[in-house]
Protein backbone atom coordinates (compact mmCIF):
# COMPACT_ATOMS: atom_id res chain seq x y z
CA MET A 1 0.06 0.12 0.19
CA PHE A 2 2.82 2.44 0.46
CA ASP A 3 5.48 0.32 -0.77
CA ILE A 4 7.64 0.31 2.48
CA GLY A 5 9.76 -3.14 2.29
CA PHE A 6 10.54 -5.08 5.59
CA TRP A 7 13.93 -3.14 6.29
CA GLU A 8 12.15 0.23 6.12
CA ILE A 9 9.26 -1.33 8.82
CA ALA A 10 12.44 -3.00 10.67
CA LEU A 11 14.33 0.59 11.23
CA ILE A 12 11.04 2.10 12.23
CA ALA A 13 10.00 -0.82 15.00
CA VAL A 14 14.19 0.02 16.27
CA VAL A 15 13.71 3.65 16.27
CA ALA A 16 10.17 3.35 17.88
CA LEU A 17 11.87 1.19 20.42
CA LEU A 18 14.60 3.25 21.34
CA VAL A 19 11.86 6.39 21.60
CA VAL A 20 9.16 4.62 23.76
CA GLY A 21 11.36 2.00 25.81
CA PRO A 22 11.37 -1.78 25.53
CA ASP A 23 8.53 -1.74 28.29
CA GLU A 24 5.37 0.73 26.55
CA PHE A 25 6.56 -0.62 22.89
CA PRO A 26 4.21 -3.99 22.89
CA ALA A 27 1.44 -1.79 23.87
CA LEU A 28 2.78 0.42 21.19
CA VAL A 29 2.56 -2.38 18.72
CA ARG A 30 -0.94 -3.32 19.76
CA ASN A 31 -2.64 -0.01 19.60
CA ILE A 32 -0.94 0.53 15.91
CA SER A 33 -1.89 -3.11 14.35
CA ALA A 34 -5.34 -2.25 16.04
CA TRP A 35 -5.44 1.14 14.44
CA ILE A 36 -4.43 -0.77 10.92
CA GLY A 37 -6.94 -3.26 11.32
CA LYS A 38 -9.92 -0.63 11.68
CA VAL A 39 -8.26 1.44 8.56
CA ARG A 40 -8.06 -1.59 6.77
CA ARG A 41 -12.11 -2.84 7.51
CA PHE A 42 -13.20 0.71 6.60
CA MET A 43 -11.21 0.61 3.45
CA SER A 44 -12.73 -2.78 2.93
CA GLU A 45 -16.17 -1.72 3.55
CA THR A 46 -16.06 1.47 1.85
CA LYS A 47 -15.11 -0.60 -1.13
CA ASP A 48 -17.45 -2.75 -0.87
CA ASP A 49 -20.55 0.07 -0.50
CA LEU A 50 -18.70 1.91 -3.46
CA ASP A 51 -19.09 -1.65 -5.75
CA ARG A 52 -23.15 -2.02 -4.60
CA GLU A 53 -23.65 1.47 -5.51
CA PHE A 54 -22.01 1.42 -8.76
CA SER A 55 -23.62 -1.83 -9.38
CA LYS A 56 -27.18 0.08 -8.67
CA ALA A 57 -26.16 2.90 -10.23
CA GLU A 58 -25.22 0.49 -13.53
CA GLU A 59 -28.53 -1.43 -13.19
CA LEU A 60 -30.67 2.29 -13.01
CA LYS A 61 -28.40 3.09 -16.24
CA GLN A 62 -29.86 0.01 -17.97
CA LEU A 63 -33.21 0.32 -17.43
CA ILE A 64 -33.05 4.27 -18.18
CA GLU A 65 -31.65 2.69 -21.78
CA ARG A 66 -34.37 0.26 -21.83
CA GLU A 67 -37.24 3.01 -21.05
CA ALA A 68 -35.90 5.05 -23.98
CA SER A 69 -35.60 2.16 -26.08
CA LEU A 70 -39.33 1.33 -25.50
CA ALA A 71 -40.35 5.29 -25.66
CA SER A 72 -38.98 5.29 -28.96
CA LEU A 73 -40.65 1.82 -29.92
CA HIS A 74 -43.87 3.52 -28.56
CA GLU A 75 -43.01 6.26 -31.04
CA LYS A 76 -42.66 4.33 -34.06
CA ILE A 77 -45.79 2.08 -33.08
CA ASP A 78 -48.32 4.32 -32.36
CA PRO A 79 -51.60 2.29 -31.34
CA ARG A 80 -54.04 5.09 -32.03
CA LYS A 81 -52.23 5.64 -35.94
CA ILE A 82 -52.61 1.14 -36.08
CA VAL A 83 -56.95 1.61 -35.05
CA THR A 84 -57.08 4.68 -37.44
CA ASP A 85 -55.60 2.52 -40.37
CA ALA A 86 -57.62 -0.39 -39.72
CA VAL A 87 -60.41 1.68 -39.39
CA VAL A 88 -59.99 3.71 -42.58
CA GLY A 89 -58.47 0.23 -43.80
CA THR A 90 -61.97 -1.11 -43.80
CA MET A 91 -64.49 1.11 -44.48
CA GLY A 92 -63.08 3.89 -46.42
CA SER A 93 -62.31 7.38 -45.57
CA PRO A 94 -63.40 8.94 -42.69
CA GLY A 95 -66.51 10.53 -44.87
CA GLU A 96 -67.19 7.37 -46.69
CA ALA A 97 -66.89 5.20 -43.23
CA LYS A 98 -69.86 8.45 -41.87
CA ALA A 99 -71.93 7.55 -44.52
CA SER A 100 -71.37 3.90 -44.31
CA VAL A 101 -72.86 3.95 -40.39
CA THR A 102 -75.82 6.83 -41.52
CA GLN A 103 -77.03 5.01 -44.45
CA PRO A 104 -78.74 1.88 -42.60
CA LEU A 105 -79.98 4.55 -40.38
CA THR A 106 -81.78 6.72 -43.04
CA SER A 107 -83.07 3.84 -45.13
CA SER A 108 -84.65 1.70 -42.30
CA VAL A 109 -87.06 4.87 -41.68
CA SER A 110 -90.08 4.47 -44.03
CA THR A 111 -91.72 7.21 -45.85
CA ASP A 112 -95.18 5.45 -45.63
CA ALA A 113 -94.92 4.77 -41.72
CA ALA A 114 -98.03 5.64 -39.83
CA VAL A 115 -98.60 8.95 -38.72
CA LEU A 116 -100.31 9.67 -35.45
CA PRO A 117 -101.81 13.14 -35.21
CA ILE A 118 -101.05 14.76 -32.06
CA THR A 119 -104.09 15.68 -29.69
CA LYS A 120 -104.64 16.62 -26.13
CA ASP A 121 -105.51 13.18 -25.05
CA SER A 122 -103.42 11.38 -26.93
CA SER A 123 -105.00 7.87 -25.63
CA LYS A 124 -107.39 8.56 -28.58
CA ALA A 125 -104.70 8.78 -30.98
CA THR A 126 -105.64 6.45 -33.51
CA PRO A 127 -102.85 5.85 -36.44
CA SER A 128 -103.43 7.60 -39.75
CA ASN A 129 -101.49 6.36 -42.96
CA GLY A 130 -101.90 9.96 -44.11
CA SER A 131 -105.16 8.91 -46.20
CA ALA A 132 -108.54 10.85 -45.07
CA ASP A 133 -110.92 7.90 -43.27
């Protein structure tokens, strides 16, 4: 990590032994070892957290790309246009479609149908077909 070799560590240990003394040296080594362990655990946990977040970000990026491709497909395949094309294809133009719908209605109404005269008392009304009795 710091590119320190064995001889550098041995030199640091000898200097620490001379500065701290032989009575305090074992406690100092234990404290330094504990701190190094804590730093390593912290670095490992941080690396794992970052890896996990980067994988979530990658998944999110893939989802966004998928949504974008689906949106472009929706633009290409407009359901309203498909239905309009199908209706126009079977019935012709919208004007022809309107004529085909209204034609059966107008042809089913007969002009010689019975006409009831409007009176105040509708129960006495009798059908007449336009001819005098």
